[in-house]
Amino acid sequence: FLDEYMQNMNGSEALKYIKQISQDKKEKIPTIIGISGMALEEDIEEMKNSGFEHIMSKPFSPDIIKDFYIAH
């Protein structure tokens, strides 16, 4: 899980960095789920365009996480 809105680096920047490290090491890019407290469609689209495959809006519960993993 990677929050889009963090203090020093946003989630999209961190995702780009993680992907680059994985590629440099020739390792599989880990599955990273973007999370955001913003539910605006343009924010969600921006996160998708940044490379997040899956996005969850906060708040979420353990049941939502479980249902997500069952679905994917």
Protein backbone atom coordinates (compact mmCIF):
# COMPACT_ATOMS: atom_id res chain seq x y z
CA PHE A 1 0.00 0.00 0.00
CA LEU A 2 1.34 3.39 -0.97
CA ASP A 3 -0.41 6.62 0.03
CA GLU A 4 -0.52 9.27 -2.68
CA TYR A 5 -0.29 12.17 -0.26
CA MET A 6 2.83 11.95 1.90
CA GLN A 7 5.10 14.69 3.26
CA ASN A 8 8.42 14.33 1.45
CA MET A 9 7.49 12.40 -1.68
CA ASN A 10 4.07 11.68 -3.10
CA GLY A 11 2.99 8.13 -3.90
CA SER A 12 3.33 8.59 -7.66
CA GLU A 13 6.95 9.73 -7.26
CA ALA A 14 7.68 6.84 -4.89
CA LEU A 15 6.07 4.36 -7.31
CA LYS A 16 8.27 5.61 -10.14
CA TYR A 17 11.34 5.21 -7.91
CA ILE A 18 10.34 1.68 -6.83
CA LYS A 19 9.75 0.63 -10.44
CA GLN A 20 13.14 2.00 -11.50
CA ILE A 21 14.94 0.14 -8.71
CA SER A 22 13.14 -3.09 -9.63
CA GLN A 23 14.05 -2.69 -13.29
CA ASP A 24 17.68 -1.86 -12.46
CA LYS A 25 17.93 -5.01 -10.36
CA LYS A 26 16.03 -7.01 -13.00
CA GLU A 27 13.47 -7.96 -10.38
CA LYS A 28 9.72 -8.24 -10.69
CA ILE A 29 7.96 -4.98 -9.93
CA PRO A 30 5.96 -5.54 -6.74
CA THR A 31 2.21 -5.11 -6.69
CA ILE A 32 1.56 -1.75 -5.12
CA ILE A 33 -1.92 -0.52 -4.31
CA GLY A 34 -2.31 3.23 -4.28
CA ILE A 35 -4.41 4.68 -1.50
CA SER A 36 -5.88 8.14 -1.30
CA GLY A 37 -8.23 10.09 0.89
CA MET A 38 -9.28 12.02 -2.20
CA ALA A 39 -12.23 10.52 -4.00
CA LEU A 40 -12.26 12.97 -6.91
CA GLU A 41 -12.27 11.24 -10.27
CA GLU A 42 -9.44 13.43 -11.60
CA ASP A 43 -7.22 12.45 -8.65
CA ILE A 44 -7.94 8.77 -9.25
CA GLU A 45 -7.21 9.18 -12.99
CA GLU A 46 -3.94 10.95 -12.20
CA MET A 47 -2.90 8.06 -9.96
CA LYS A 48 -3.79 5.55 -12.70
CA ASN A 49 -1.75 7.58 -15.19
CA SER A 50 1.18 7.47 -12.76
CA GLY A 51 1.21 3.69 -12.99
CA PHE A 52 -0.85 2.45 -10.07
CA GLU A 53 -2.63 -0.69 -11.19
CA HIS A 54 -5.09 -0.63 -8.30
CA ILE A 55 -6.35 2.25 -6.16
CA MET A 56 -8.34 2.24 -2.93
CA SER A 57 -9.98 5.22 -1.29
CA LYS A 58 -9.59 5.81 2.41
CA PRO A 59 -10.98 4.90 4.79
CA PHE A 60 -11.03 1.20 4.15
CA SER A 61 -11.41 -1.81 6.40
CA PRO A 62 -9.80 -5.24 6.61
CA ASP A 63 -12.94 -6.65 4.93
CA ILE A 64 -12.47 -4.32 1.93
CA ILE A 65 -8.83 -5.41 1.65
CA LYS A 66 -9.85 -9.08 1.84
CA ASP A 67 -12.56 -8.61 -0.80
CA PHE A 68 -10.06 -6.81 -3.03
CA TYR A 69 -7.57 -9.69 -2.87
CA ILE A 70 -10.28 -12.27 -3.51
CA ALA A 71 -11.36 -10.31 -6.61
CA HIS A 72 -7.82 -9.94 -7.94
